[in-house]
Amino acid sequence: KIERPSLPAIALTTDTSVLTSISNDYDFDQVFLKQVMALADEK
């Protein structure tokens, strides 16, 4: 609602290549796990 700097948020539901490759090569149960493993840290 207010003008302010962009804040870093990522929806892990939008990259069709990532979602389909993980689902195809492994399992749909891992589509968010593998992204969190790759992208998340303690901050």
PDB file of all heavy atoms in Angstrom:
ATOM      1  N   LYS A   1       0.803  -1.222   0.000  1.00  0.00           N
ATOM      2  CA  LYS A   1       0.000   0.000   0.000  1.00  0.00           C
ATOM      3  C   LYS A   1       0.836   1.273   0.000  1.00  0.00           C
ATOM      4  O   LYS A   1       0.317   2.334  -0.321  1.00  0.00           O
ATOM      5  CB  LYS A   1      -0.950   0.004   1.208  1.00  0.00           C
ATOM      6  CG  LYS A   1      -2.075  -1.005   1.085  1.00  0.00           C
ATOM      7  CD  LYS A   1      -2.948  -1.046   2.328  1.00  0.00           C
ATOM      8  CE  LYS A   1      -3.736   0.224   2.510  1.00  0.00           C
ATOM      9  NZ  LYS A   1      -4.649   0.152   3.679  1.00  0.00           N
ATOM     10  N   ILE A   2       2.095   1.167   0.392  1.00  0.00           N
ATOM     11  CA  ILE A   2       2.923   2.367   0.439  1.00  0.00           C
ATOM     12  C   ILE A   2       4.101   2.210  -0.524  1.00  0.00           C
ATOM     13  O   ILE A   2       4.500   1.102  -0.861  1.00  0.00           O
ATOM     14  CB  ILE A   2       3.438   2.659   1.871  1.00  0.00           C
ATOM     15  CG1 ILE A   2       4.361   1.528   2.365  1.00  0.00           C
ATOM     16  CG2 ILE A   2       2.281   2.877   2.825  1.00  0.00           C
ATOM     17  CD1 ILE A   2       5.022   1.820   3.690  1.00  0.00           C
ATOM     18  N   GLU A   3       4.631   3.350  -0.960  1.00  0.00           N
ATOM     19  CA  GLU A   3       5.832   3.323  -1.791  1.00  0.00           C
ATOM     20  C   GLU A   3       7.025   3.007  -0.898  1.00  0.00           C
ATOM     21  O   GLU A   3       7.279   3.709   0.088  1.00  0.00           O
ATOM     22  CB  GLU A   3       6.030   4.674  -2.475  1.00  0.00           C
ATOM     23  CG  GLU A   3       4.984   4.983  -3.518  1.00  0.00           C
ATOM     24  CD  GLU A   3       5.002   4.022  -4.693  1.00  0.00           C
ATOM     25  OE1 GLU A   3       6.072   3.432  -4.981  1.00  0.00           O
ATOM     26  OE2 GLU A   3       3.938   3.841  -5.319  1.00  0.00           O
ATOM     27  N   ARG A   4       7.751   1.953  -1.247  1.00  0.00           N
ATOM     28  CA  ARG A   4       8.917   1.555  -0.470  1.00  0.00           C
ATOM     29  C   ARG A   4       9.785   0.651  -1.342  1.00  0.00           C
ATOM     30  O   ARG A   4       9.369   0.211  -2.417  1.00  0.00           O
ATOM     31  CB  ARG A   4       8.512   0.867   0.836  1.00  0.00           C
ATOM     32  CG  ARG A   4       7.386  -0.163   0.733  1.00  0.00           C
ATOM     33  CD  ARG A   4       7.907  -1.534   0.459  1.00  0.00           C
ATOM     34  NE  ARG A   4       6.870  -2.544   0.612  1.00  0.00           N
ATOM     35  CZ  ARG A   4       6.772  -3.597  -0.178  1.00  0.00           C
ATOM     36  NH1 ARG A   4       7.592  -3.758  -1.192  1.00  0.00           N
ATOM     37  NH2 ARG A   4       5.838  -4.488   0.012  1.00  0.00           N
ATOM     38  N   PRO A   5      11.019   0.350  -0.902  1.00  0.00           N
ATOM     39  CA  PRO A   5      11.881  -0.518  -1.705  1.00  0.00           C
ATOM     40  C   PRO A   5      11.276  -1.915  -1.883  1.00  0.00           C
ATOM     41  O   PRO A   5      10.485  -2.378  -1.058  1.00  0.00           O
ATOM     42  CB  PRO A   5      13.182  -0.588  -0.885  1.00  0.00           C
ATOM     43  CG  PRO A   5      13.129   0.592   0.023  1.00  0.00           C
ATOM     44  CD  PRO A   5      11.682   0.849   0.296  1.00  0.00           C
ATOM     45  N   SER A   6      11.672  -2.584  -2.945  1.00  0.00           N
ATOM     46  CA  SER A   6      11.251  -3.968  -3.154  1.00  0.00           C
ATOM     47  C   SER A   6      11.844  -4.850  -2.071  1.00  0.00           C
ATOM     48  O   SER A   6      12.981  -4.650  -1.634  1.00  0.00           O
ATOM     49  CB  SER A   6      11.723  -4.462  -4.521  1.00  0.00           C
ATOM     50  OG  SER A   6      11.104  -3.724  -5.549  1.00  0.00           O
ATOM     51  N   LEU A   7      11.072  -5.842  -1.640  1.00  0.00           N
ATOM     52  CA  LEU A   7      11.495  -6.759  -0.582  1.00  0.00           C
ATOM     53  C   LEU A   7      11.629  -8.165  -1.168  1.00  0.00           C
ATOM     54  O   LEU A   7      10.771  -8.597  -1.948  1.00  0.00           O
ATOM     55  CB  LEU A   7      10.479  -6.741   0.563  1.00  0.00           C
ATOM     56  CG  LEU A   7      10.304  -5.365   1.230  1.00  0.00           C
ATOM     57  CD1 LEU A   7       9.111  -5.371   2.177  1.00  0.00           C
ATOM     58  CD2 LEU A   7      11.575  -4.944   1.960  1.00  0.00           C
ATOM     59  N   PRO A   8      12.694  -8.898  -0.818  1.00  0.00           N
ATOM     60  CA  PRO A   8      12.997 -10.166  -1.491  1.00  0.00           C
ATOM     61  C   PRO A   8      12.132 -11.336  -1.024  1.00  0.00           C
ATOM     62  O   PRO A   8      12.340 -11.897   0.046  1.00  0.00           O
ATOM     63  CB  PRO A   8      14.477 -10.397  -1.152  1.00  0.00           C
ATOM     64  CG  PRO A   8      14.686  -9.674   0.136  1.00  0.00           C
ATOM     65  CD  PRO A   8      13.759  -8.493   0.116  1.00  0.00           C
ATOM     66  N   ALA A   9      11.179 -11.683  -1.852  1.00  0.00           N
ATOM     67  CA  ALA A   9      10.310 -12.834  -1.600  1.00  0.00           C
ATOM     68  C   ALA A   9      10.211 -13.651  -2.881  1.00  0.00           C
ATOM     69  O   ALA A   9      10.135 -13.084  -3.977  1.00  0.00           O
ATOM     70  CB  ALA A   9       8.926 -12.367  -1.162  1.00  0.00           C
ATOM     71  N   ILE A  10      10.217 -14.963  -2.740  1.00  0.00           N
ATOM     72  CA  ILE A  10      10.181 -15.855  -3.892  1.00  0.00           C
ATOM     73  C   ILE A  10       9.071 -16.876  -3.691  1.00  0.00           C
ATOM     74  O   ILE A  10       9.031 -17.571  -2.669  1.00  0.00           O
ATOM     75  CB  ILE A  10      11.521 -16.602  -4.069  1.00  0.00           C
ATOM     76  CG1 ILE A  10      12.692 -15.629  -4.164  1.00  0.00           C
ATOM     77  CG2 ILE A  10      11.468 -17.514  -5.291  1.00  0.00           C
ATOM     78  CD1 ILE A  10      14.057 -16.291  -4.073  1.00  0.00           C
ATOM     79  N   ALA A  11       8.181 -16.990  -4.669  1.00  0.00           N
ATOM     80  CA  ALA A  11       7.201 -18.076  -4.679  1.00  0.00           C
ATOM     81  C   ALA A  11       7.843 -19.278  -5.365  1.00  0.00           C
ATOM     82  O   ALA A  11       8.296 -19.165  -6.515  1.00  0.00           O
ATOM     83  CB  ALA A  11       5.932 -17.654  -5.414  1.00  0.00           C
ATOM     84  N   LEU A  12       7.897 -20.401  -4.682  1.00  0.00           N
ATOM     85  CA  LEU A  12       8.540 -21.595  -5.228  1.00  0.00           C
ATOM     86  C   LEU A  12       7.589 -22.411  -6.098  1.00  0.00           C
ATOM     87  O   LEU A  12       7.787 -23.604  -6.300  1.00  0.00           O
ATOM     88  CB  LEU A  12       9.086 -22.462  -4.087  1.00  0.00           C
ATOM     89  CG  LEU A  12      10.045 -21.787  -3.123  1.00  0.00           C
ATOM     90  CD1 LEU A  12      10.577 -22.794  -2.109  1.00  0.00           C
ATOM     91  CD2 LEU A  12      11.181 -21.091  -3.854  1.00  0.00           C
ATOM     92  N   THR A  13       6.599 -21.745  -6.650  1.00  0.00           N
ATOM     93  CA  THR A  13       5.530 -22.418  -7.408  1.00  0.00           C
ATOM     94  C   THR A  13       5.490 -21.996  -8.864  1.00  0.00           C
ATOM     95  O   THR A  13       4.576 -22.389  -9.587  1.00  0.00           O
ATOM     96  CB  THR A  13       4.167 -22.073  -6.767  1.00  0.00           C
ATOM     97  OG1 THR A  13       4.041 -20.646  -6.702  1.00  0.00           O
ATOM     98  CG2 THR A  13       4.048 -22.639  -5.362  1.00  0.00           C
ATOM     99  N   THR A  14       6.486 -21.213  -9.310  1.00  0.00           N
ATOM    100  CA  THR A  14       6.338 -20.538 -10.599  1.00  0.00           C
ATOM    101  C   THR A  14       7.279 -21.015 -11.697  1.00  0.00           C
ATOM    102  O   THR A  14       7.039 -20.741 -12.864  1.00  0.00           O
ATOM    103  CB  THR A  14       6.553 -19.025 -10.426  1.00  0.00           C
ATOM    104  OG1 THR A  14       7.872 -18.798  -9.918  1.00  0.00           O
ATOM    105  CG2 THR A  14       5.539 -18.436  -9.466  1.00  0.00           C
ATOM    106  N   ASP A  15       8.366 -21.673 -11.349  1.00  0.00           N
ATOM    107  CA  ASP A  15       9.358 -22.064 -12.349  1.00  0.00           C
ATOM    108  C   ASP A  15       9.002 -23.449 -12.889  1.00  0.00           C
ATOM    109  O   ASP A  15       9.292 -24.471 -12.272  1.00  0.00           O
ATOM    110  CB  ASP A  15      10.759 -22.066 -11.721  1.00  0.00           C
ATOM    111  CG  ASP A  15      11.862 -22.246 -12.746  1.00  0.00           C
ATOM    112  OD1 ASP A  15      11.635 -22.954 -13.754  1.00  0.00           O
ATOM    113  OD2 ASP A  15      12.956 -21.697 -12.529  1.00  0.00           O
ATOM    114  N   THR A  16       8.380 -23.472 -14.059  1.00  0.00           N
ATOM    115  CA  THR A  16       7.876 -24.756 -14.593  1.00  0.00           C
ATOM    116  C   THR A  16       9.004 -25.733 -14.904  1.00  0.00           C
ATOM    117  O   THR A  16       8.820 -26.952 -14.758  1.00  0.00           O
ATOM    118  CB  THR A  16       7.027 -24.529 -15.856  1.00  0.00           C
ATOM    119  OG1 THR A  16       7.792 -23.789 -16.819  1.00  0.00           O
ATOM    120  CG2 THR A  16       5.750 -23.782 -15.524  1.00  0.00           C
ATOM    121  N   SER A  17      10.163 -25.249 -15.304  1.00  0.00           N
ATOM    122  CA  SER A  17      11.277 -26.159 -15.582  1.00  0.00           C
ATOM    123  C   SER A  17      11.764 -26.836 -14.309  1.00  0.00           C
ATOM    124  O   SER A  17      12.036 -28.044 -14.293  1.00  0.00           O
ATOM    125  CB  SER A  17      12.426 -25.407 -16.252  1.00  0.00           C
ATOM    126  OG  SER A  17      12.041 -24.948 -17.525  1.00  0.00           O
ATOM    127  N   VAL A  18      11.874 -26.057 -13.227  1.00  0.00           N
ATOM    128  CA  VAL A  18      12.270 -26.642 -11.946  1.00  0.00           C
ATOM    129  C   VAL A  18      11.211 -27.622 -11.449  1.00  0.00           C
ATOM    130  O   VAL A  18      11.520 -28.766 -11.071  1.00  0.00           O
ATOM    131  CB  VAL A  18      12.521 -25.535 -10.899  1.00  0.00           C
ATOM    132  CG1 VAL A  18      12.647 -26.121  -9.502  1.00  0.00           C
ATOM    133  CG2 VAL A  18      13.770 -24.742 -11.252  1.00  0.00           C
ATOM    134  N   LEU A  19       9.960 -27.204 -11.461  1.00  0.00           N
ATOM    135  CA  LEU A  19       8.886 -28.049 -10.934  1.00  0.00           C
ATOM    136  C   LEU A  19       8.763 -29.355 -11.719  1.00  0.00           C
ATOM    137  O   LEU A  19       8.630 -30.438 -11.125  1.00  0.00           O
ATOM    138  CB  LEU A  19       7.553 -27.293 -10.971  1.00  0.00           C
ATOM    139  CG  LEU A  19       7.444 -26.061 -10.073  1.00  0.00           C
ATOM    140  CD1 LEU A  19       6.171 -25.297 -10.386  1.00  0.00           C
ATOM    141  CD2 LEU A  19       7.485 -26.440  -8.603  1.00  0.00           C
ATOM    142  N   THR A  20       8.818 -29.266 -13.042  1.00  0.00           N
ATOM    143  CA  THR A  20       8.622 -30.479 -13.845  1.00  0.00           C
ATOM    144  C   THR A  20       9.850 -31.371 -13.844  1.00  0.00           C
ATOM    145  O   THR A  20       9.725 -32.601 -13.875  1.00  0.00           O
ATOM    146  CB  THR A  20       8.212 -30.125 -15.289  1.00  0.00           C
ATOM    147  OG1 THR A  20       9.194 -29.247 -15.877  1.00  0.00           O
ATOM    148  CG2 THR A  20       6.838 -29.466 -15.314  1.00  0.00           C
ATOM    149  N   SER A  21      11.044 -30.784 -13.778  1.00  0.00           N
ATOM    150  CA  SER A  21      12.231 -31.642 -13.755  1.00  0.00           C
ATOM    151  C   SER A  21      12.316 -32.413 -12.447  1.00  0.00           C
ATOM    152  O   SER A  21      12.629 -33.615 -12.451  1.00  0.00           O
ATOM    153  CB  SER A  21      13.503 -30.823 -13.980  1.00  0.00           C
ATOM    154  OG  SER A  21      13.772 -29.959 -12.899  1.00  0.00           O
ATOM    155  N   ILE A  22      12.034 -31.760 -11.334  1.00  0.00           N
ATOM    156  CA  ILE A  22      12.058 -32.465 -10.047  1.00  0.00           C
ATOM    157  C   ILE A  22      10.969 -33.535 -10.009  1.00  0.00           C
ATOM    158  O   ILE A  22      11.214 -34.677  -9.601  1.00  0.00           O
ATOM    159  CB  ILE A  22      11.895 -31.481  -8.872  1.00  0.00           C
ATOM    160  CG1 ILE A  22      13.095 -30.537  -8.802  1.00  0.00           C
ATOM    161  CG2 ILE A  22      11.740 -32.235  -7.551  1.00  0.00           C
ATOM    162  CD1 ILE A  22      12.919 -29.371  -7.850  1.00  0.00           C
ATOM    163  N   SER A  23       9.768 -33.184 -10.464  1.00  0.00           N
ATOM    164  CA  SER A  23       8.665 -34.152 -10.474  1.00  0.00           C
ATOM    165  C   SER A  23       8.981 -35.349 -11.364  1.00  0.00           C
ATOM    166  O   SER A  23       8.663 -36.493 -11.027  1.00  0.00           O
ATOM    167  CB  SER A  23       7.379 -33.488 -10.964  1.00  0.00           C
ATOM    168  OG  SER A  23       6.990 -32.456 -10.107  1.00  0.00           O
ATOM    169  N   ASN A  24       9.601 -35.083 -12.517  1.00  0.00           N
ATOM    170  CA  ASN A  24       9.900 -36.148 -13.470  1.00  0.00           C
ATOM    171  C   ASN A  24      11.075 -37.014 -13.019  1.00  0.00           C
ATOM    172  O   ASN A  24      11.016 -38.237 -13.086  1.00  0.00           O
ATOM    173  CB  ASN A  24      10.213 -35.533 -14.840  1.00  0.00           C
ATOM    174  CG  ASN A  24      10.439 -36.583 -15.908  1.00  0.00           C
ATOM    175  OD1 ASN A  24       9.527 -37.342 -16.227  1.00  0.00           O
ATOM    176  ND2 ASN A  24      11.636 -36.632 -16.459  1.00  0.00           N
ATOM    177  N   ASP A  25      12.147 -36.368 -12.544  1.00  0.00           N
ATOM    178  CA  ASP A  25      13.364 -37.106 -12.204  1.00  0.00           C
ATOM    179  C   ASP A  25      13.293 -37.746 -10.827  1.00  0.00           C
ATOM    180  O   ASP A  25      13.942 -38.764 -10.582  1.00  0.00           O
ATOM    181  CB  ASP A  25      14.578 -36.175 -12.247  1.00  0.00           C
ATOM    182  CG  ASP A  25      14.879 -35.663 -13.646  1.00  0.00           C
ATOM    183  OD1 ASP A  25      14.265 -36.165 -14.609  1.00  0.00           O
ATOM    184  OD2 ASP A  25      15.717 -34.752 -13.770  1.00  0.00           O
ATOM    185  N   TYR A  26      12.536 -37.137  -9.917  1.00  0.00           N
ATOM    186  CA  TYR A  26      12.449 -37.641  -8.553  1.00  0.00           C
ATOM    187  C   TYR A  26      10.987 -37.906  -8.196  1.00  0.00           C
ATOM    188  O   TYR A  26      10.452 -38.948  -8.513  1.00  0.00           O
ATOM    189  CB  TYR A  26      13.107 -36.657  -7.573  1.00  0.00           C
ATOM    190  CG  TYR A  26      14.590 -36.529  -7.805  1.00  0.00           C
ATOM    191  CD1 TYR A  26      15.102 -35.535  -8.645  1.00  0.00           C
ATOM    192  CD2 TYR A  26      15.482 -37.404  -7.206  1.00  0.00           C
ATOM    193  CE1 TYR A  26      16.464 -35.424  -8.882  1.00  0.00           C
ATOM    194  CE2 TYR A  26      16.853 -37.308  -7.433  1.00  0.00           C
ATOM    195  CZ  TYR A  26      17.331 -36.319  -8.274  1.00  0.00           C
ATOM    196  OH  TYR A  26      18.669 -36.211  -8.501  1.00  0.00           O
ATOM    197  N   ASP A  27      10.349 -36.903  -7.570  1.00  0.00           N
ATOM    198  CA  ASP A  27       8.975 -37.104  -7.111  1.00  0.00           C
ATOM    199  C   ASP A  27       8.371 -35.733  -6.824  1.00  0.00           C
ATOM    200  O   ASP A  27       9.094 -34.829  -6.391  1.00  0.00           O
ATOM    201  CB  ASP A  27       8.976 -37.968  -5.838  1.00  0.00           C
ATOM    202  CG  ASP A  27       7.587 -38.422  -5.445  1.00  0.00           C
ATOM    203  OD1 ASP A  27       6.878 -37.660  -4.767  1.00  0.00           O
ATOM    204  OD2 ASP A  27       7.217 -39.537  -5.844  1.00  0.00           O
ATOM    205  N   PHE A  28       7.068 -35.594  -7.044  1.00  0.00           N
ATOM    206  CA  PHE A  28       6.415 -34.312  -6.783  1.00  0.00           C
ATOM    207  C   PHE A  28       6.520 -33.919  -5.311  1.00  0.00           C
ATOM    208  O   PHE A  28       6.489 -32.732  -4.974  1.00  0.00           O
ATOM    209  CB  PHE A  28       4.944 -34.369  -7.214  1.00  0.00           C
ATOM    210  CG  PHE A  28       4.258 -33.032  -7.183  1.00  0.00           C
ATOM    211  CD1 PHE A  28       4.628 -32.017  -8.066  1.00  0.00           C
ATOM    212  CD2 PHE A  28       3.250 -32.764  -6.275  1.00  0.00           C
ATOM    213  CE1 PHE A  28       4.011 -30.769  -8.033  1.00  0.00           C
ATOM    214  CE2 PHE A  28       2.616 -31.522  -6.238  1.00  0.00           C
ATOM    215  CZ  PHE A  28       3.005 -30.527  -7.120  1.00  0.00           C
ATOM    216  N   ASP A  29       6.689 -34.882  -4.429  1.00  0.00           N
ATOM    217  CA  ASP A  29       6.841 -34.585  -3.009  1.00  0.00           C
ATOM    218  C   ASP A  29       8.115 -33.807  -2.704  1.00  0.00           C
ATOM    219  O   ASP A  29       8.278 -33.281  -1.602  1.00  0.00           O
ATOM    220  CB  ASP A  29       6.844 -35.876  -2.180  1.00  0.00           C
ATOM    221  CG  ASP A  29       5.476 -36.550  -2.139  1.00  0.00           C
ATOM    222  OD1 ASP A  29       4.505 -35.985  -2.679  1.00  0.00           O
ATOM    223  OD2 ASP A  29       5.388 -37.651  -1.564  1.00  0.00           O
ATOM    224  N   GLN A  30       9.033 -33.711  -3.678  1.00  0.00           N
ATOM    225  CA  GLN A  30      10.303 -33.018  -3.456  1.00  0.00           C
ATOM    226  C   GLN A  30      10.391 -31.648  -4.132  1.00  0.00           C
ATOM    227  O   GLN A  30      11.429 -30.993  -4.068  1.00  0.00           O
ATOM    228  CB  GLN A  30      11.461 -33.899  -3.943  1.00  0.00           C
ATOM    229  CG  GLN A  30      11.605 -35.191  -3.164  1.00  0.00           C
ATOM    230  CD  GLN A  30      12.899 -35.913  -3.496  1.00  0.00           C
ATOM    231  OE1 GLN A  30      13.950 -35.285  -3.636  1.00  0.00           O
ATOM    232  NE2 GLN A  30      12.826 -37.220  -3.630  1.00  0.00           N
ATOM    233  N   VAL A  31       9.306 -31.202  -4.775  1.00  0.00           N
ATOM    234  CA  VAL A  31       9.418 -29.974  -5.584  1.00  0.00           C
ATOM    235  C   VAL A  31       9.767 -28.737  -4.766  1.00  0.00           C
ATOM    236  O   VAL A  31      10.461 -27.838  -5.259  1.00  0.00           O
ATOM    237  CB  VAL A  31       8.155 -29.695  -6.443  1.00  0.00           C
ATOM    238  CG1 VAL A  31       7.987 -30.745  -7.510  1.00  0.00           C
ATOM    239  CG2 VAL A  31       6.921 -29.545  -5.587  1.00  0.00           C
ATOM    240  N   PHE A  32       9.297 -28.650  -3.534  1.00  0.00           N
ATOM    241  CA  PHE A  32       9.646 -27.506  -2.688  1.00  0.00           C
ATOM    242  C   PHE A  32      10.900 -27.795  -1.869  1.00  0.00           C
ATOM    243  O   PHE A  32      11.706 -26.895  -1.629  1.00  0.00           O
ATOM    244  CB  PHE A  32       8.477 -27.123  -1.788  1.00  0.00           C
ATOM    245  CG  PHE A  32       7.214 -26.808  -2.544  1.00  0.00           C
ATOM    246  CD1 PHE A  32       5.995 -27.337  -2.144  1.00  0.00           C
ATOM    247  CD2 PHE A  32       7.231 -25.994  -3.668  1.00  0.00           C
ATOM    248  CE1 PHE A  32       4.827 -27.061  -2.852  1.00  0.00           C
ATOM    249  CE2 PHE A  32       6.069 -25.708  -4.385  1.00  0.00           C
ATOM    250  CZ  PHE A  32       4.861 -26.255  -3.966  1.00  0.00           C
ATOM    251  N   LEU A  33      11.078 -29.039  -1.455  1.00  0.00           N
ATOM    252  CA  LEU A  33      12.263 -29.421  -0.689  1.00  0.00           C
ATOM    253  C   LEU A  33      13.544 -29.067  -1.426  1.00  0.00           C
ATOM    254  O   LEU A  33      14.453 -28.437  -0.869  1.00  0.00           O
ATOM    255  CB  LEU A  33      12.225 -30.921  -0.388  1.00  0.00           C
ATOM    256  CG  LEU A  33      13.518 -31.539   0.151  1.00  0.00           C
ATOM    257  CD1 LEU A  33      13.869 -30.933   1.499  1.00  0.00           C
ATOM    258  CD2 LEU A  33      13.401 -33.051   0.235  1.00  0.00           C
ATOM    259  N   LYS A  34      13.642 -29.481  -2.678  1.00  0.00           N
ATOM    260  CA  LYS A  34      14.886 -29.239  -3.418  1.00  0.00           C
ATOM    261  C   LYS A  34      15.143 -27.749  -3.613  1.00  0.00           C
ATOM    262  O   LYS A  34      16.297 -27.299  -3.593  1.00  0.00           O
ATOM    263  CB  LYS A  34      14.860 -29.979  -4.751  1.00  0.00           C
ATOM    264  CG  LYS A  34      15.165 -31.469  -4.603  1.00  0.00           C
ATOM    265  CD  LYS A  34      15.330 -32.140  -5.942  1.00  0.00           C
ATOM    266  CE  LYS A  34      16.024 -33.481  -5.792  1.00  0.00           C
ATOM    267  NZ  LYS A  34      17.484 -33.368  -5.605  1.00  0.00           N
ATOM    268  N   GLN A  35      14.095 -26.963  -3.781  1.00  0.00           N
ATOM    269  CA  GLN A  35      14.277 -25.522  -3.919  1.00  0.00           C
ATOM    270  C   GLN A  35      14.721 -24.891  -2.601  1.00  0.00           C
ATOM    271  O   GLN A  35      15.593 -24.008  -2.582  1.00  0.00           O
ATOM    272  CB  GLN A  35      12.993 -24.873  -4.428  1.00  0.00           C
ATOM    273  CG  GLN A  35      12.637 -25.275  -5.848  1.00  0.00           C
ATOM    274  CD  GLN A  35      11.402 -24.547  -6.328  1.00  0.00           C
ATOM    275  OE1 GLN A  35      11.458 -23.379  -6.704  1.00  0.00           O
ATOM    276  NE2 GLN A  35      10.266 -25.236  -6.317  1.00  0.00           N
ATOM    277  N   VAL A  36      14.128 -25.334  -1.498  1.00  0.00           N
ATOM    278  CA  VAL A  36      14.547 -24.823  -0.193  1.00  0.00           C
ATOM    279  C   VAL A  36      15.990 -25.222   0.090  1.00  0.00           C
ATOM    280  O   VAL A  36      16.793 -24.418   0.580  1.00  0.00           O
ATOM    281  CB  VAL A  36      13.583 -25.309   0.914  1.00  0.00           C
ATOM    282  CG1 VAL A  36      14.156 -25.021   2.308  1.00  0.00           C
ATOM    283  CG2 VAL A  36      12.226 -24.623   0.767  1.00  0.00           C
ATOM    284  N   MET A  37      16.362 -26.462  -0.243  1.00  0.00           N
ATOM    285  CA  MET A  37      17.737 -26.906  -0.056  1.00  0.00           C
ATOM    286  C   MET A  37      18.715 -26.021  -0.837  1.00  0.00           C
ATOM    287  O   MET A  37      19.800 -25.711  -0.361  1.00  0.00           O
ATOM    288  CB  MET A  37      17.880 -28.370  -0.490  1.00  0.00           C
ATOM    289  CG  MET A  37      17.192 -29.350   0.428  1.00  0.00           C
ATOM    290  SD  MET A  37      17.165 -31.037  -0.242  1.00  0.00           S
ATOM    291  CE  MET A  37      18.897 -31.466  -0.139  1.00  0.00           C
ATOM    292  N   ALA A  38      18.320 -25.628  -2.032  1.00  0.00           N
ATOM    293  CA  ALA A  38      19.208 -24.843  -2.894  1.00  0.00           C
ATOM    294  C   ALA A  38      19.248 -23.363  -2.526  1.00  0.00           C
ATOM    295  O   ALA A  38      20.295 -22.718  -2.675  1.00  0.00           O
ATOM    296  CB  ALA A  38      18.756 -24.981  -4.346  1.00  0.00           C
ATOM    297  N   LEU A  39      18.144 -22.815  -2.046  1.00  0.00           N
ATOM    298  CA  LEU A  39      18.011 -21.361  -1.944  1.00  0.00           C
ATOM    299  C   LEU A  39      18.024 -20.805  -0.524  1.00  0.00           C
ATOM    300  O   LEU A  39      18.340 -19.629  -0.332  1.00  0.00           O
ATOM    301  CB  LEU A  39      16.709 -20.911  -2.622  1.00  0.00           C
ATOM    302  CG  LEU A  39      16.574 -21.218  -4.110  1.00  0.00           C
ATOM    303  CD1 LEU A  39      15.162 -20.899  -4.590  1.00  0.00           C
ATOM    304  CD2 LEU A  39      17.603 -20.443  -4.918  1.00  0.00           C
ATOM    305  N   ALA A  40      17.636 -21.585   0.461  1.00  0.00           N
ATOM    306  CA  ALA A  40      17.415 -21.049   1.814  1.00  0.00           C
ATOM    307  C   ALA A  40      18.680 -21.103   2.653  1.00  0.00           C
ATOM    308  O   ALA A  40      19.479 -22.034   2.541  1.00  0.00           O
ATOM    309  CB  ALA A  40      16.294 -21.815   2.507  1.00  0.00           C
ATOM    310  N   ASP A  41      18.838 -20.084   3.503  1.00  0.00           N
ATOM    311  CA  ASP A  41      19.873 -20.135   4.529  1.00  0.00           C
ATOM    312  C   ASP A  41      19.299 -19.599   5.833  1.00  0.00           C
ATOM    313  O   ASP A  41      18.119 -19.266   5.912  1.00  0.00           O
ATOM    314  CB  ASP A  41      21.145 -19.398   4.101  1.00  0.00           C
ATOM    315  CG  ASP A  41      20.931 -17.903   3.876  1.00  0.00           C
ATOM    316  OD1 ASP A  41      20.169 -17.286   4.647  1.00  0.00           O
ATOM    317  OD2 ASP A  41      21.532 -17.350   2.946  1.00  0.00           O
ATOM    318  N   GLU A  42      20.139 -19.500   6.851  1.00  0.00           N
ATOM    319  CA  GLU A  42      19.644 -19.215   8.200  1.00  0.00           C
ATOM    320  C   GLU A  42      19.082 -17.811   8.369  1.00  0.00           C
ATOM    321  O   GLU A  42      18.411 -17.541   9.361  1.00  0.00           O
ATOM    322  CB  GLU A  42      20.743 -19.481   9.230  1.00  0.00           C
ATOM    323  CG  GLU A  42      21.075 -20.970   9.356  1.00  0.00           C
ATOM    324  CD  GLU A  42      22.129 -21.251  10.405  1.00  0.00           C
ATOM    325  OE1 GLU A  42      22.586 -20.295  11.061  1.00  0.00           O
ATOM    326  OE2 GLU A  42      22.489 -22.430  10.561  1.00  0.00           O
ATOM    327  N   LYS A  43      19.337 -16.909   7.430  1.00  0.00           N
ATOM    328  CA  LYS A  43      18.758 -15.567   7.518  1.00  0.00           C
ATOM    329  C   LYS A  43      17.331 -15.519   6.981  1.00  0.00           C
ATOM    330  O   LYS A  43      16.640 -14.513   7.150  1.00  0.00           O
ATOM    331  CB  LYS A  43      19.615 -14.573   6.722  1.00  0.00           C
ATOM    332  CG  LYS A  43      20.990 -14.328   7.284  1.00  0.00           C
ATOM    333  CD  LYS A  43      21.702 -13.228   6.534  1.00  0.00           C
ATOM    334  CE  LYS A  43      21.961 -13.611   5.098  1.00  0.00           C
ATOM    335  NZ  LYS A  43      22.795 -12.613   4.376  1.00  0.00           N
TER     336      LYS A  43
END
